[in-house]
C-alpha atoms as a PDB file:
ATOM      1  CA  GLU A   1      88.366 -49.427  39.847  1.00  0.00           C
ATOM      2  CA  PHE A   2      87.171 -46.934  42.448  1.00  0.00           C
ATOM      3  CA  GLN A   3      90.717 -45.831  43.228  1.00  0.00           C
ATOM      4  CA  ARG A   4      91.477 -45.340  39.536  1.00  0.00           C
ATOM      5  CA  GLY A   5      88.373 -43.199  39.177  1.00  0.00           C
ATOM      6  CA  THR A   6      89.444 -41.151  42.177  1.00  0.00           C
ATOM      7  CA  VAL A   7      92.863 -40.576  40.600  1.00  0.00           C
ATOM      8  CA  ILE A   8      91.271 -39.383  37.343  1.00  0.00           C
ATOM      9  CA  GLY A   9      88.826 -37.148  39.209  1.00  0.00           C
ATOM     10  CA  ARG A  10      91.632 -35.459  41.116  1.00  0.00           C
ATOM     11  CA  HIS A  11      93.633 -35.125  37.894  1.00  0.00           C
ATOM     12  CA  LEU A  12      90.685 -33.360  36.253  1.00  0.00           C
ATOM     13  CA  CYS A  13      90.620 -30.968  39.245  1.00  0.00           C
ATOM     14  CA  ASN A  14      94.177 -29.945  38.288  1.00  0.00           C
ATOM     15  CA  LYS A  15      95.940 -31.802  41.101  1.00  0.00           C
ATOM     16  CA  SER A  16      99.523 -32.882  40.409  1.00  0.00           C
ATOM     17  CA  SER A  17     100.632 -36.511  40.432  1.00  0.00           C
ATOM     18  CA  ARG A  18     102.614 -35.849  43.598  1.00  0.00           C
ATOM     19  CA  GLU A  19      99.571 -34.378  45.383  1.00  0.00           C
ATOM     20  CA  ILE A  20      97.346 -37.263  44.289  1.00  0.00           C
ATOM     21  CA  SER A  21      99.848 -39.890  45.418  1.00  0.00           C
ATOM     22  CA  SER A  22     100.217 -38.324  48.863  1.00  0.00           C
ATOM     23  CA  LEU A  23      96.441 -37.880  49.312  1.00  0.00           C
ATOM     24  CA  LEU A  24      95.618 -41.474  48.326  1.00  0.00           C
ATOM     25  CA  ASN A  25      98.787 -43.022  49.796  1.00  0.00           C
ATOM     26  CA  ILE A  26      99.808 -44.780  46.570  1.00  0.00           C
ATOM     27  CA  PRO A  27     103.093 -44.537  44.625  1.00  0.00           C
ATOM     28  CA  GLN A  28     103.533 -41.626  42.224  1.00  0.00           C
ATOM     29  CA  SER A  29     104.460 -44.063  39.442  1.00  0.00           C
ATOM     30  CA  THR A  30     101.073 -45.777  39.847  1.00  0.00           C
ATOM     31  CA  VAL A  31      99.274 -42.438  39.589  1.00  0.00           C
ATOM     32  CA  SER A  32     101.246 -41.567  36.450  1.00  0.00           C
ATOM     33  CA  CYS A  33     100.464 -44.938  34.852  1.00  0.00           C
ATOM     34  CA  ILE A  34      96.742 -44.578  35.566  1.00  0.00           C
ATOM     35  CA  ILE A  35      96.658 -41.060  34.069  1.00  0.00           C
ATOM     36  CA  ARG A  36      98.706 -42.131  31.033  1.00  0.00           C
ATOM     37  CA  MET A  37      96.393 -45.113  30.373  1.00  0.00           C
ATOM     38  CA  TRP A  38      93.315 -42.897  30.718  1.00  0.00           C
ATOM     39  CA  LYS A  39      94.708 -40.338  28.255  1.00  0.00           C
ATOM     40  CA  ARG A  40      95.693 -43.019  25.740  1.00  0.00           C
ATOM     41  CA  LEU A  41      92.637 -45.308  25.923  1.00  0.00           C
ATOM     42  CA  GLY A  42      89.938 -43.116  27.429  1.00  0.00           C
ATOM     43  CA  THR A  43      89.231 -45.713  30.120  1.00  0.00           C
ATOM     44  CA  THR A  44      90.851 -47.056  33.259  1.00  0.00           C
ATOM     45  CA  ALA A  45      89.474 -50.590  32.933  1.00  0.00           C
ATOM     46  CA  THR A  46      92.005 -53.383  32.592  1.00  0.00           C
ATOM     47  CA  GLN A  47      92.498 -54.427  28.981  1.00  0.00           C
ATOM     48  CA  PRO A  48      92.991 -57.985  27.689  1.00  0.00           C
ATOM     49  CA  ARG A  49      96.630 -58.975  27.345  1.00  0.00           C
ATOM     50  CA  SER A  50      98.173 -60.472  24.248  1.00  0.00           C
ATOM     51  CA  GLY A  51      99.496 -64.001  24.234  1.00  0.00           C
ATOM     52  CA  ARG A  52      98.350 -67.566  24.257  1.00  0.00           C
ATOM     53  CA  PRO A  53      95.596 -68.415  26.779  1.00  0.00           C
ATOM     54  CA  CYS A  54      96.577 -70.579  29.747  1.00  0.00           C
ATOM     55  CA  LYS A  55      96.001 -74.319  29.502  1.00  0.00           C
ATOM     56  CA  LEU A  56      93.369 -75.435  32.014  1.00  0.00           C
ATOM     57  CA  THR A  57      93.967 -79.201  32.010  1.00  0.00           C
END
């Protein structure tokens, strides 16, 4: 969560995806996905996935 917040903070400071990925040493595709999710949902928290819950027993 901290890293996602850092990505969004740098994005709000008008840094490019390429600059953010090199500064934080993470792939550019990851940076783009985080920014896209933040723009679409307004949050970077992981969302529940669709599908049947796993069987425990």
